Amino acid sequence: MEIPQQSVQDLMEVGYLAGGYGYFKEAVTIFDGLAAVRPDSEYPHIGLAMTQLGMKQSEEAVRILRDHALPKNPDNSLTKAFLGLALMQAGLNGESENVLNQVIDANQNETAVELARNLLAGT
């Protein structure tokens, strides 16, 4: 069964909203389901990682990004920017700075570069 792209995008938004409002279990269920229907996409794993950050599980967020999101698309600057955030929240500031500077230097995604700059600036 093929799930339309718009439905996937809508579910991603619902997952982020659920996590943002503290419905972590529901967010995890949504992102797990999206990972099942889009097994080649890194984006459901980014959502899972952000949900873990919301639950104050930064080490788990780092693991998800490293083990699941990055292998699907190692050049995705947005994944790397979120990895930088997760590393920072895990207290791995040196590693975080290295990853975030890579995002800035690669300059492949405006949103990722802005996030990286803001994180490095402490905003």
PDB file of N, CA and C in Angstrom:
ATOM      1  N   MET A   1       0.824  -1.180   0.000  1.00  0.00           N
ATOM      2  CA  MET A   1       0.000   0.000   0.000  1.00  0.00           C
ATOM      3  C   MET A   1       0.871   1.248   0.000  1.00  0.00           C
ATOM      4  N   GLU A   2       0.633   2.123  -0.933  1.00  0.00           N
ATOM      5  CA  GLU A   2       1.399   3.362  -1.042  1.00  0.00           C
ATOM      6  C   GLU A   2       0.697   4.475  -0.265  1.00  0.00           C
ATOM      7  N   ILE A   3       1.447   5.147   0.584  1.00  0.00           N
ATOM      8  CA  ILE A   3       0.935   6.262   1.365  1.00  0.00           C
ATOM      9  C   ILE A   3       1.316   7.544   0.622  1.00  0.00           C
ATOM     10  N   PRO A   4       0.353   8.400   0.289  1.00  0.00           N
ATOM     11  CA  PRO A   4       0.663   9.637  -0.425  1.00  0.00           C
ATOM     12  C   PRO A   4       1.644  10.523   0.361  1.00  0.00           C
ATOM     13  N   GLN A   5       2.509  11.206  -0.354  1.00  0.00           N
ATOM     14  CA  GLN A   5       3.514  12.063   0.261  1.00  0.00           C
ATOM     15  C   GLN A   5       2.880  13.123   1.167  1.00  0.00           C
ATOM     16  N   GLN A   6       1.766  13.696   0.748  1.00  0.00           N
ATOM     17  CA  GLN A   6       1.113  14.717   1.571  1.00  0.00           C
ATOM     18  C   GLN A   6       0.669  14.132   2.911  1.00  0.00           C
ATOM     19  N   SER A   7       0.199  12.896   2.896  1.00  0.00           N
ATOM     20  CA  SER A   7      -0.199  12.243   4.148  1.00  0.00           C
ATOM     21  C   SER A   7       1.008  12.028   5.052  1.00  0.00           C
ATOM     22  N   VAL A   8       2.126  11.657   4.458  1.00  0.00           N
ATOM     23  CA  VAL A   8       3.356  11.473   5.233  1.00  0.00           C
ATOM     24  C   VAL A   8       3.770  12.804   5.858  1.00  0.00           C
ATOM     25  N   GLN A   9       3.736  13.872   5.079  1.00  0.00           N
ATOM     26  CA  GLN A   9       4.098  15.191   5.607  1.00  0.00           C
ATOM     27  C   GLN A   9       3.152  15.621   6.722  1.00  0.00           C
ATOM     28  N   ASP A  10       1.866  15.383   6.531  1.00  0.00           N
ATOM     29  CA  ASP A  10       0.894  15.729   7.567  1.00  0.00           C
ATOM     30  C   ASP A  10       1.159  14.949   8.852  1.00  0.00           C
ATOM     31  N   LEU A  11       1.458  13.662   8.718  1.00  0.00           N
ATOM     32  CA  LEU A  11       1.755  12.845   9.897  1.00  0.00           C
ATOM     33  C   LEU A  11       3.040  13.293  10.589  1.00  0.00           C
ATOM     34  N   MET A  12       4.038  13.707   9.809  1.00  0.00           N
ATOM     35  CA  MET A  12       5.265  14.241  10.408  1.00  0.00           C
ATOM     36  C   MET A  12       4.928  15.452  11.272  1.00  0.00           C
ATOM     37  N   GLU A  13       4.106  16.348  10.743  1.00  0.00           N
ATOM     38  CA  GLU A  13       3.718  17.533  11.509  1.00  0.00           C
ATOM     39  C   GLU A  13       2.961  17.147  12.781  1.00  0.00           C
ATOM     40  N   VAL A  14       2.045  16.196  12.659  1.00  0.00           N
ATOM     41  CA  VAL A  14       1.288  15.739  13.830  1.00  0.00           C
ATOM     42  C   VAL A  14       2.242  15.133  14.860  1.00  0.00           C
ATOM     43  N   GLY A  15       3.216  14.363  14.400  1.00  0.00           N
ATOM     44  CA  GLY A  15       4.193  13.777  15.311  1.00  0.00           C
ATOM     45  C   GLY A  15       4.987  14.838  16.060  1.00  0.00           C
ATOM     46  N   TYR A  16       5.432  15.876  15.342  1.00  0.00           N
ATOM     47  CA  TYR A  16       6.169  16.963  15.997  1.00  0.00           C
ATOM     48  C   TYR A  16       5.279  17.714  16.982  1.00  0.00           C
ATOM     49  N   LEU A  17       4.033  17.957  16.597  1.00  0.00           N
ATOM     50  CA  LEU A  17       3.112  18.630  17.510  1.00  0.00           C
ATOM     51  C   LEU A  17       2.861  17.780  18.751  1.00  0.00           C
ATOM     52  N   ALA A  18       2.645  16.488  18.549  1.00  0.00           N
ATOM     53  CA  ALA A  18       2.408  15.593  19.686  1.00  0.00           C
ATOM     54  C   ALA A  18       3.583  15.652  20.652  1.00  0.00           C
ATOM     55  N   GLY A  19       4.786  15.514  20.129  1.00  0.00           N
ATOM     56  CA  GLY A  19       5.967  15.571  20.985  1.00  0.00           C
ATOM     57  C   GLY A  19       6.127  16.920  21.659  1.00  0.00           C
ATOM     58  N   GLY A  20       5.846  17.984  20.912  1.00  0.00           N
ATOM     59  CA  GLY A  20       5.971  19.329  21.462  1.00  0.00           C
ATOM     60  C   GLY A  20       4.999  19.615  22.598  1.00  0.00           C
ATOM     61  N   TYR A  21       3.867  18.926  22.593  1.00  0.00           N
ATOM     62  CA  TYR A  21       2.880  19.101  23.653  1.00  0.00           C
ATOM     63  C   TYR A  21       2.962  18.015  24.724  1.00  0.00           C
ATOM     64  N   GLY A  22       4.040  17.224  24.685  1.00  0.00           N
ATOM     65  CA  GLY A  22       4.252  16.235  25.724  1.00  0.00           C
ATOM     66  C   GLY A  22       3.595  14.892  25.496  1.00  0.00           C
ATOM     67  N   TYR A  23       3.020  14.675  24.335  1.00  0.00           N
ATOM     68  CA  TYR A  23       2.429  13.376  24.006  1.00  0.00           C
ATOM     69  C   TYR A  23       3.516  12.500  23.371  1.00  0.00           C
ATOM     70  N   PHE A  24       4.488  12.153  24.187  1.00  0.00           N
ATOM     71  CA  PHE A  24       5.671  11.462  23.680  1.00  0.00           C
ATOM     72  C   PHE A  24       5.362  10.072  23.154  1.00  0.00           C
ATOM     73  N   LYS A  25       4.551   9.327  23.879  1.00  0.00           N
ATOM     74  CA  LYS A  25       4.207   7.971  23.449  1.00  0.00           C
ATOM     75  C   LYS A  25       3.535   8.018  22.068  1.00  0.00           C
ATOM     76  N   GLU A  26       2.624   8.949  21.905  1.00  0.00           N
ATOM     77  CA  GLU A  26       1.924   9.083  20.624  1.00  0.00           C
ATOM     78  C   GLU A  26       2.880   9.520  19.511  1.00  0.00           C
ATOM     79  N   ALA A  27       3.792  10.429  19.834  1.00  0.00           N
ATOM     80  CA  ALA A  27       4.770  10.880  18.846  1.00  0.00           C
ATOM     81  C   ALA A  27       5.652   9.717  18.397  1.00  0.00           C
ATOM     82  N   VAL A  28       6.122   8.931  19.348  1.00  0.00           N
ATOM     83  CA  VAL A  28       6.952   7.760  19.014  1.00  0.00           C
ATOM     84  C   VAL A  28       6.180   6.807  18.114  1.00  0.00           C
ATOM     85  N   THR A  29       4.911   6.563  18.429  1.00  0.00           N
ATOM     86  CA  THR A  29       4.083   5.673  17.605  1.00  0.00           C
ATOM     87  C   THR A  29       3.970   6.208  16.178  1.00  0.00           C
ATOM     88  N   ILE A  30       3.747   7.501  16.044  1.00  0.00           N
ATOM     89  CA  ILE A  30       3.627   8.114  14.715  1.00  0.00           C
ATOM     90  C   ILE A  30       4.935   7.972  13.943  1.00  0.00           C
ATOM     91  N   PHE A  31       6.048   8.335  14.570  1.00  0.00           N
ATOM     92  CA  PHE A  31       7.329   8.285  13.864  1.00  0.00           C
ATOM     93  C   PHE A  31       7.764   6.847  13.563  1.00  0.00           C
ATOM     94  N   ASP A  32       7.456   5.914  14.463  1.00  0.00           N
ATOM     95  CA  ASP A  32       7.740   4.499  14.178  1.00  0.00           C
ATOM     96  C   ASP A  32       6.949   4.028  12.962  1.00  0.00           C
ATOM     97  N   GLY A  33       5.691   4.430  12.899  1.00  0.00           N
ATOM     98  CA  GLY A  33       4.863   4.067  11.748  1.00  0.00           C
ATOM     99  C   GLY A  33       5.386   4.673  10.460  1.00  0.00           C
ATOM    100  N   LEU A  34       5.798   5.924  10.514  1.00  0.00           N
ATOM    101  CA  LEU A  34       6.352   6.578   9.327  1.00  0.00           C
ATOM    102  C   LEU A  34       7.659   5.913   8.887  1.00  0.00           C
ATOM    103  N   ALA A  35       8.468   5.503   9.845  1.00  0.00           N
ATOM    104  CA  ALA A  35       9.709   4.796   9.506  1.00  0.00           C
ATOM    105  C   ALA A  35       9.399   3.482   8.805  1.00  0.00           C
ATOM    106  N   ALA A  36       8.287   2.845   9.177  1.00  0.00           N
ATOM    107  CA  ALA A  36       7.902   1.585   8.538  1.00  0.00           C
ATOM    108  C   ALA A  36       7.426   1.800   7.105  1.00  0.00           C
ATOM    109  N   VAL A  37       6.700   2.891   6.859  1.00  0.00           N
ATOM    110  CA  VAL A  37       6.181   3.119   5.506  1.00  0.00           C
ATOM    111  C   VAL A  37       7.172   3.854   4.613  1.00  0.00           C
ATOM    112  N   ARG A  38       8.167   4.473   5.192  1.00  0.00           N
ATOM    113  CA  ARG A  38       9.229   5.141   4.434  1.00  0.00           C
ATOM    114  C   ARG A  38      10.589   4.662   4.949  1.00  0.00           C
ATOM    115  N   PRO A  39      10.908   3.386   4.723  1.00  0.00           N
ATOM    116  CA  PRO A  39      12.129   2.815   5.318  1.00  0.00           C
ATOM    117  C   PRO A  39      13.435   3.438   4.817  1.00  0.00           C
ATOM    118  N   ASP A  40      13.399   4.114   3.681  1.00  0.00           N
ATOM    119  CA  ASP A  40      14.619   4.730   3.158  1.00  0.00           C
ATOM    120  C   ASP A  40      14.783   6.179   3.586  1.00  0.00           C
ATOM    121  N   SER A  41      13.832   6.710   4.330  1.00  0.00           N
ATOM    122  CA  SER A  41      13.860   8.111   4.721  1.00  0.00           C
ATOM    123  C   SER A  41      14.469   8.306   6.099  1.00  0.00           C
ATOM    124  N   GLU A  42      15.277   9.321   6.214  1.00  0.00           N
ATOM    125  CA  GLU A  42      15.867   9.676   7.497  1.00  0.00           C
ATOM    126  C   GLU A  42      14.922  10.514   8.353  1.00  0.00           C
ATOM    127  N   TYR A  43      13.917  11.121   7.745  1.00  0.00           N
ATOM    128  CA  TYR A  43      13.082  12.082   8.465  1.00  0.00           C
ATOM    129  C   TYR A  43      12.272  11.505   9.627  1.00  0.00           C
ATOM    130  N   PRO A  44      11.687  10.313   9.517  1.00  0.00           N
ATOM    131  CA  PRO A  44      11.011   9.776  10.703  1.00  0.00           C
ATOM    132  C   PRO A  44      11.970   9.574  11.886  1.00  0.00           C
ATOM    133  N   HIS A  45      13.220   9.250  11.581  1.00  0.00           N
ATOM    134  CA  HIS A  45      14.212   9.051  12.639  1.00  0.00           C
ATOM    135  C   HIS A  45      14.606  10.382  13.276  1.00  0.00           C
ATOM    136  N   ILE A  46      14.625  11.440  12.475  1.00  0.00           N
ATOM    137  CA  ILE A  46      14.865  12.771  13.046  1.00  0.00           C
ATOM    138  C   ILE A  46      13.728  13.090  14.021  1.00  0.00           C
ATOM    139  N   GLY A  47      12.496  12.805  13.613  1.00  0.00           N
ATOM    140  CA  GLY A  47      11.354  13.024  14.498  1.00  0.00           C
ATOM    141  C   GLY A  47      11.462  12.227  15.788  1.00  0.00           C
ATOM    142  N   LEU A  48      11.864  10.971  15.667  1.00  0.00           N
ATOM    143  CA  LEU A  48      12.061  10.142  16.876  1.00  0.00           C
ATOM    144  C   LEU A  48      13.130  10.748  17.781  1.00  0.00           C
ATOM    145  N   ALA A  49      14.210  11.201  17.172  1.00  0.00           N
ATOM    146  CA  ALA A  49      15.298  11.788  17.961  1.00  0.00           C
ATOM    147  C   ALA A  49      14.837  13.066  18.671  1.00  0.00           C
ATOM    148  N   MET A  50      14.072  13.900  17.974  1.00  0.00           N
ATOM    149  CA  MET A  50      13.584  15.127  18.599  1.00  0.00           C
ATOM    150  C   MET A  50      12.611  14.802  19.732  1.00  0.00           C
ATOM    151  N   THR A  51      11.839  13.747  19.570  1.00  0.00           N
ATOM    152  CA  THR A  51      10.951  13.300  20.644  1.00  0.00           C
ATOM    153  C   THR A  51      11.779  12.861  21.849  1.00  0.00           C
ATOM    154  N   GLN A  52      12.867  12.141  21.598  1.00  0.00           N
ATOM    155  CA  GLN A  52      13.747  11.729  22.699  1.00  0.00           C
ATOM    156  C   GLN A  52      14.332  12.944  23.404  1.00  0.00           C
ATOM    157  N   LEU A  53      14.692  13.978  22.650  1.00  0.00           N
ATOM    158  CA  LEU A  53      15.194  15.191  23.289  1.00  0.00           C
ATOM    159  C   LEU A  53      14.120  15.809  24.172  1.00  0.00           C
ATOM    160  N   GLY A  54      12.880  15.788  23.709  1.00  0.00           N
ATOM    161  CA  GLY A  54      11.779  16.301  24.512  1.00  0.00           C
ATOM    162  C   GLY A  54      11.601  15.536  25.811  1.00  0.00           C
ATOM    163  N   MET A  55      11.960  14.259  25.783  1.00  0.00           N
ATOM    164  CA  MET A  55      11.866  13.416  26.977  1.00  0.00           C
ATOM    165  C   MET A  55      13.150  13.452  27.804  1.00  0.00           C
ATOM    166  N   LYS A  56      14.071  14.364  27.427  1.00  0.00           N
ATOM    167  CA  LYS A  56      15.361  14.519  28.132  1.00  0.00           C
ATOM    168  C   LYS A  56      16.238  13.273  28.002  1.00  0.00           C
ATOM    169  N   GLN A  57      16.125  12.599  26.864  1.00  0.00           N
ATOM    170  CA  GLN A  57      16.921  11.397  26.574  1.00  0.00           C
ATOM    171  C   GLN A  57      17.909  11.719  25.446  1.00  0.00           C
ATOM    172  N   SER A  58      18.836  12.629  25.737  1.00  0.00           N
ATOM    173  CA  SER A  58      19.731  13.119  24.687  1.00  0.00           C
ATOM    174  C   SER A  58      20.659  12.038  24.140  1.00  0.00           C
ATOM    175  N   GLU A  59      21.117  11.122  24.976  1.00  0.00           N
ATOM    176  CA  GLU A  59      21.994  10.060  24.485  1.00  0.00           C
ATOM    177  C   GLU A  59      21.258   9.160  23.493  1.00  0.00           C
ATOM    178  N   GLU A  60      19.982   8.901  23.772  1.00  0.00           N
ATOM    179  CA  GLU A  60      19.174   8.090  22.859  1.00  0.00           C
ATOM    180  C   GLU A  60      18.938   8.850  21.551  1.00  0.00           C
ATOM    181  N   ALA A  61      18.748  10.147  21.637  1.00  0.00           N
ATOM    182  CA  ALA A  61      18.580  10.957  20.423  1.00  0.00           C
ATOM    183  C   ALA A  61      19.842  10.886  19.564  1.00  0.00           C
ATOM    184  N   VAL A  62      21.000  10.988  20.191  1.00  0.00           N
ATOM    185  CA  VAL A  62      22.269  10.880  19.461  1.00  0.00           C
ATOM    186  C   VAL A  62      22.361   9.518  18.785  1.00  0.00           C
ATOM    187  N   ARG A  63      22.020   8.463  19.511  1.00  0.00           N
ATOM    188  CA  ARG A  63      22.090   7.108  18.948  1.00  0.00           C
ATOM    189  C   ARG A  63      21.168   6.965  17.748  1.00  0.00           C
ATOM    190  N   ILE A  64      19.953   7.443  17.850  1.00  0.00           N
ATOM    191  CA  ILE A  64      19.000   7.339  16.738  1.00  0.00           C
ATOM    192  C   ILE A  64      19.525   8.073  15.510  1.00  0.00           C
ATOM    193  N   LEU A  65      20.030   9.275  15.717  1.00  0.00           N
ATOM    194  CA  LEU A  65      20.537  10.050  14.579  1.00  0.00           C
ATOM    195  C   LEU A  65      21.751   9.375  13.946  1.00  0.00           C
ATOM    196  N   ARG A  66      22.664   8.891  14.780  1.00  0.00           N
ATOM    197  CA  ARG A  66      23.877   8.244  14.257  1.00  0.00           C
ATOM    198  C   ARG A  66      23.591   6.886  13.613  1.00  0.00           C
ATOM    199  N   ASP A  67      22.759   6.088  14.265  1.00  0.00           N
ATOM    200  CA  ASP A  67      22.555   4.702  13.828  1.00  0.00           C
ATOM    201  C   ASP A  67      21.466   4.534  12.779  1.00  0.00           C
ATOM    202  N   HIS A  68      20.519   5.477  12.738  1.00  0.00           N
ATOM    203  CA  HIS A  68      19.375   5.284  11.841  1.00  0.00           C
ATOM    204  C   HIS A  68      19.213   6.396  10.806  1.00  0.00           C
ATOM    205  N   ALA A  69      19.339   7.655  11.216  1.00  0.00           N
ATOM    206  CA  ALA A  69      19.098   8.753  10.276  1.00  0.00           C
ATOM    207  C   ALA A  69      20.293   8.974   9.338  1.00  0.00           C
ATOM    208  N   LEU A  70      21.474   9.159   9.891  1.00  0.00           N
ATOM    209  CA  LEU A  70      22.641   9.456   9.052  1.00  0.00           C
ATOM    210  C   LEU A  70      22.981   8.357   8.047  1.00  0.00           C
ATOM    211  N   PRO A  71      22.885   7.079   8.408  1.00  0.00           N
ATOM    212  CA  PRO A  71      23.192   6.053   7.405  1.00  0.00           C
ATOM    213  C   PRO A  71      22.271   6.097   6.175  1.00  0.00           C
ATOM    214  N   LYS A  72      21.071   6.607   6.341  1.00  0.00           N
ATOM    215  CA  LYS A  72      20.137   6.670   5.212  1.00  0.00           C
ATOM    216  C   LYS A  72      20.511   7.785   4.244  1.00  0.00           C
ATOM    217  N   ASN A  73      21.132   8.855   4.762  1.00  0.00           N
ATOM    218  CA  ASN A  73      21.563   9.971   3.912  1.00  0.00           C
ATOM    219  C   ASN A  73      22.677  10.716   4.643  1.00  0.00           C
ATOM    220  N   PRO A  74      23.915  10.242   4.509  1.00  0.00           N
ATOM    221  CA  PRO A  74      25.027  10.817   5.263  1.00  0.00           C
ATOM    222  C   PRO A  74      25.305  12.290   4.959  1.00  0.00           C
ATOM    223  N   ASP A  75      24.809  12.796   3.840  1.00  0.00           N
ATOM    224  CA  ASP A  75      25.080  14.179   3.469  1.00  0.00           C
ATOM    225  C   ASP A  75      23.982  15.151   3.894  1.00  0.00           C
ATOM    226  N   ASN A  76      22.957  14.667   4.585  1.00  0.00           N
ATOM    227  CA  ASN A  76      21.843  15.540   4.960  1.00  0.00           C
ATOM    228  C   ASN A  76      22.281  16.498   6.065  1.00  0.00           C
ATOM    229  N   SER A  77      22.394  17.768   5.708  1.00  0.00           N
ATOM    230  CA  SER A  77      22.845  18.784   6.661  1.00  0.00           C
ATOM    231  C   SER A  77      21.854  18.990   7.799  1.00  0.00           C
ATOM    232  N   LEU A  78      20.573  18.805   7.523  1.00  0.00           N
ATOM    233  CA  LEU A  78      19.577  18.968   8.575  1.00  0.00           C
ATOM    234  C   LEU A  78      19.741  17.881   9.642  1.00  0.00           C
ATOM    235  N   THR A  79      19.995  16.655   9.211  1.00  0.00           N
ATOM    236  CA  THR A  79      20.255  15.574  10.169  1.00  0.00           C
ATOM    237  C   THR A  79      21.475  15.911  11.015  1.00  0.00           C
ATOM    238  N   LYS A  80      22.510  16.421  10.365  1.00  0.00           N
ATOM    239  CA  LYS A  80      23.731  16.768  11.094  1.00  0.00           C
ATOM    240  C   LYS A  80      23.494  17.907  12.079  1.00  0.00           C
ATOM    241  N   ALA A  81      22.684  18.891  11.679  1.00  0.00           N
ATOM    242  CA  ALA A  81      22.387  20.001  12.593  1.00  0.00           C
ATOM    243  C   ALA A  81      21.647  19.488  13.828  1.00  0.00           C
ATOM    244  N   PHE A  82      20.685  18.591  13.611  1.00  0.00           N
ATOM    245  CA  PHE A  82      19.972  18.017  14.755  1.00  0.00           C
ATOM    246  C   PHE A  82      20.894  17.135  15.593  1.00  0.00           C
ATOM    247  N   LEU A  83      21.851  16.456  14.948  1.00  0.00           N
ATOM    248  CA  LEU A  83      22.845  15.695  15.699  1.00  0.00           C
ATOM    249  C   LEU A  83      23.662  16.642  16.570  1.00  0.00           C
ATOM    250  N   GLY A  84      24.039  17.787  16.022  1.00  0.00           N
ATOM    251  CA  GLY A  84      24.763  18.786  16.804  1.00  0.00           C
ATOM    252  C   GLY A  84      23.975  19.225  18.020  1.00  0.00           C
ATOM    253  N   LEU A  85      22.675  19.444  17.841  1.00  0.00           N
ATOM    254  CA  LEU A  85      21.800  19.798  18.959  1.00  0.00           C
ATOM    255  C   LEU A  85      21.771  18.693  20.007  1.00  0.00           C
ATOM    256  N   ALA A  86      21.590  17.463  19.563  1.00  0.00           N
ATOM    257  CA  ALA A  86      21.523  16.333  20.496  1.00  0.00           C
ATOM    258  C   ALA A  86      22.849  16.163  21.243  1.00  0.00           C
ATOM    259  N   LEU A  87      23.954  16.299  20.536  1.00  0.00           N
ATOM    260  CA  LEU A  87      25.267  16.198  21.180  1.00  0.00           C
ATOM    261  C   LEU A  87      25.439  17.293  22.223  1.00  0.00           C
ATOM    262  N   MET A  88      24.979  18.487  21.882  1.00  0.00           N
ATOM    263  CA  MET A  88      25.079  19.612  22.819  1.00  0.00           C
ATOM    264  C   MET A  88      24.266  19.319  24.080  1.00  0.00           C
ATOM    265  N   GLN A  89      23.054  18.821  23.889  1.00  0.00           N
ATOM    266  CA  GLN A  89      22.210  18.519  25.049  1.00  0.00           C
ATOM    267  C   GLN A  89      22.751  17.340  25.847  1.00  0.00           C
ATOM    268  N   ALA A  90      23.547  16.490  25.202  1.00  0.00           N
ATOM    269  CA  ALA A  90      24.173  15.368  25.909  1.00  0.00           C
ATOM    270  C   ALA A  90      25.458  15.800  26.617  1.00  0.00           C
ATOM    271  N   GLY A  91      25.816  17.086  26.484  1.00  0.00           N
ATOM    272  CA  GLY A  91      27.019  17.592  27.133  1.00  0.00           C
ATOM    273  C   GLY A  91      28.298  17.334  26.367  1.00  0.00           C
ATOM    274  N   LEU A  92      28.180  16.919  25.118  1.00  0.00           N
ATOM    275  CA  LEU A  92      29.341  16.640  24.271  1.00  0.00           C
ATOM    276  C   LEU A  92      29.611  17.858  23.382  1.00  0.00           C
ATOM    277  N   ASN A  93      29.984  18.956  24.040  1.00  0.00           N
ATOM    278  CA  ASN A  93      30.069  20.241  23.358  1.00  0.00           C
ATOM    279  C   ASN A  93      31.130  20.303  22.276  1.00  0.00           C
ATOM    280  N   GLY A  94      32.266  19.707  22.505  1.00  0.00           N
ATOM    281  CA  GLY A  94      33.318  19.721  21.485  1.00  0.00           C
ATOM    282  C   GLY A  94      32.888  18.994  20.223  1.00  0.00           C
ATOM    283  N   GLU A  95      32.309  17.834  20.403  1.00  0.00           N
ATOM    284  CA  GLU A  95      31.813  17.064  19.264  1.00  0.00           C
ATOM    285  C   GLU A  95      30.672  17.799  18.574  1.00  0.00           C
ATOM    286  N   SER A  96      29.815  18.417  19.369  1.00  0.00           N
ATOM    287  CA  SER A  96      28.707  19.196  18.822  1.00  0.00           C
ATOM    288  C   SER A  96      29.234  20.335  17.954  1.00  0.00           C
ATOM    289  N   GLU A  97      30.211  21.067  18.467  1.00  0.00           N
ATOM    290  CA  GLU A  97      30.782  22.187  17.711  1.00  0.00           C
ATOM    291  C   GLU A  97      31.375  21.717  16.386  1.00  0.00           C
ATOM    292  N   ASN A  98      32.063  20.582  16.400  1.00  0.00           N
ATOM    293  CA  ASN A  98      32.638  20.051  15.166  1.00  0.00           C
ATOM    294  C   ASN A  98      31.555  19.759  14.136  1.00  0.00           C
ATOM    295  N   VAL A  99      30.487  19.094  14.553  1.00  0.00           N
ATOM    296  CA  VAL A  99      29.397  18.740  13.641  1.00  0.00           C
ATOM    297  C   VAL A  99      28.712  20.000  13.123  1.00  0.00           C
ATOM    298  N   LEU A 100      28.430  20.937  14.015  1.00  0.00           N
ATOM    299  CA  LEU A 100      27.743  22.162  13.605  1.00  0.00           C
ATOM    300  C   LEU A 100      28.602  22.996  12.655  1.00  0.00           C
ATOM    301  N   ASN A 101      29.906  23.034  12.889  1.00  0.00           N
ATOM    302  CA  ASN A 101      30.790  23.757  11.969  1.00  0.00           C
ATOM    303  C   ASN A 101      30.849  23.081  10.599  1.00  0.00           C
ATOM    304  N   GLN A 102      30.746  21.751  10.569  1.00  0.00           N
ATOM    305  CA  GLN A 102      30.671  21.037   9.285  1.00  0.00           C
ATOM    306  C   GLN A 102      29.430  21.452   8.507  1.00  0.00           C
ATOM    307  N   VAL A 103      28.322  21.595   9.215  1.00  0.00           N
ATOM    308  CA  VAL A 103      27.068  22.014   8.575  1.00  0.00           C
ATOM    309  C   VAL A 103      27.235  23.407   7.972  1.00  0.00           C
ATOM    310  N   ILE A 104      27.820  24.298   8.737  1.00  0.00           N
ATOM    311  CA  ILE A 104      28.023  25.671   8.257  1.00  0.00           C
ATOM    312  C   ILE A 104      28.972  25.686   7.067  1.00  0.00           C
ATOM    313  N   ASP A 105      30.069  24.961   7.174  1.00  0.00           N
ATOM    314  CA  ASP A 105      31.052  24.928   6.089  1.00  0.00           C
ATOM    315  C   ASP A 105      30.487  24.328   4.809  1.00  0.00           C
ATOM    316  N   ALA A 106      29.661  23.289   4.932  1.00  0.00           N
ATOM    317  CA  ALA A 106      29.071  22.645   3.748  1.00  0.00           C
ATOM    318  C   ALA A 106      28.062  23.564   3.081  1.00  0.00           C
ATOM    319  N   ASN A 107      27.355  24.358   3.862  1.00  0.00           N
ATOM    320  CA  ASN A 107      26.404  25.356   3.354  1.00  0.00           C
ATOM    321  C   ASN A 107      25.448  24.773   2.309  1.00  0.00           C
ATOM    322  N   GLN A 108      24.867  23.593   2.624  1.00  0.00           N
ATOM    323  CA  GLN A 108      23.995  22.904   1.673  1.00  0.00           C
ATOM    324  C   GLN A 108      22.517  23.144   1.929  1.00  0.00           C
ATOM    325  N   ASN A 109      22.173  23.575   3.132  1.00  0.00           N
ATOM    326  CA  ASN A 109      20.772  23.726   3.495  1.00  0.00           C
ATOM    327  C   ASN A 109      20.657  24.955   4.390  1.00  0.00           C
ATOM    328  N   GLU A 110      19.931  25.956   3.909  1.00  0.00           N
ATOM    329  CA  GLU A 110      19.835  27.227   4.624  1.00  0.00           C
ATOM    330  C   GLU A 110      19.280  27.058   6.038  1.00  0.00           C
ATOM    331  N   THR A 111      18.272  26.228   6.182  1.00  0.00           N
ATOM    332  CA  THR A 111      17.671  25.996   7.494  1.00  0.00           C
ATOM    333  C   THR A 111      18.668  25.341   8.439  1.00  0.00           C
ATOM    334  N   ALA A 112      19.409  24.354   7.936  1.00  0.00           N
ATOM    335  CA  ALA A 112      20.401  23.659   8.758  1.00  0.00           C
ATOM    336  C   ALA A 112      21.524  24.610   9.177  1.00  0.00           C
ATOM    337  N   VAL A 113      21.968  25.453   8.250  1.00  0.00           N
ATOM    338  CA  VAL A 113      23.034  26.407   8.556  1.00  0.00           C
ATOM    339  C   VAL A 113      22.564  27.402   9.622  1.00  0.00           C
ATOM    340  N   GLU A 114      21.343  27.886   9.482  1.00  0.00           N
ATOM    341  CA  GLU A 114      20.807  28.823  10.471  1.00  0.00           C
ATOM    342  C   GLU A 114      20.700  28.173  11.846  1.00  0.00           C
ATOM    343  N   LEU A 115      20.204  26.928  11.881  1.00  0.00           N
ATOM    344  CA  LEU A 115      20.120  26.210  13.152  1.00  0.00           C
ATOM    345  C   LEU A 115      21.511  26.041  13.762  1.00  0.00           C
ATOM    346  N   ALA A 116      22.471  25.631  12.946  1.00  0.00           N
ATOM    347  CA  ALA A 116      23.837  25.428  13.437  1.00  0.00           C
ATOM    348  C   ALA A 116      24.416  26.721  13.989  1.00  0.00           C
ATOM    349  N   ARG A 117      24.244  27.811  13.276  1.00  0.00           N
ATOM    350  CA  ARG A 117      24.766  29.105  13.751  1.00  0.00           C
ATOM    351  C   ARG A 117      24.105  29.513  15.061  1.00  0.00           C
ATOM    352  N   ASN A 118      22.795  29.353  15.149  1.00  0.00           N
ATOM    353  CA  ASN A 118      22.083  29.718  16.371  1.00  0.00           C
ATOM    354  C   ASN A 118      22.538  28.865  17.557  1.00  0.00           C
ATOM    355  N   LEU A 119      22.735  27.578  17.311  1.00  0.00           N
ATOM    356  CA  LEU A 119      23.199  26.694  18.394  1.00  0.00           C
ATOM    357  C   LEU A 119      24.601  27.093  18.861  1.00  0.00           C
ATOM    358  N   LEU A 120      25.466  27.386  17.908  1.00  0.00           N
ATOM    359  CA  LEU A 120      26.828  27.780  18.274  1.00  0.00           C
ATOM    360  C   LEU A 120      26.865  29.131  18.996  1.00  0.00           C
ATOM    361  N   ALA A 121      25.895  29.989  18.653  1.00  0.00           N
ATOM    362  CA  ALA A 121      25.822  31.299  19.300  1.00  0.00           C
ATOM    363  C   ALA A 121      25.127  31.233  20.652  1.00  0.00           C
ATOM    364  N   GLY A 122      24.521  30.090  20.950  1.00  0.00           N
ATOM    365  CA  GLY A 122      23.838  29.928  22.226  1.00  0.00           C
ATOM    366  C   GLY A 122      22.443  30.506  22.259  1.00  0.00           C
ATOM    367  N   THR A 123      21.837  30.679  21.065  1.00  0.00           N
ATOM    368  CA  THR A 123      20.463  31.232  21.043  1.00  0.00           C
ATOM    369  C   THR A 123      19.466  30.156  20.738  1.00  0.00           C
TER     370      THR A 123
END
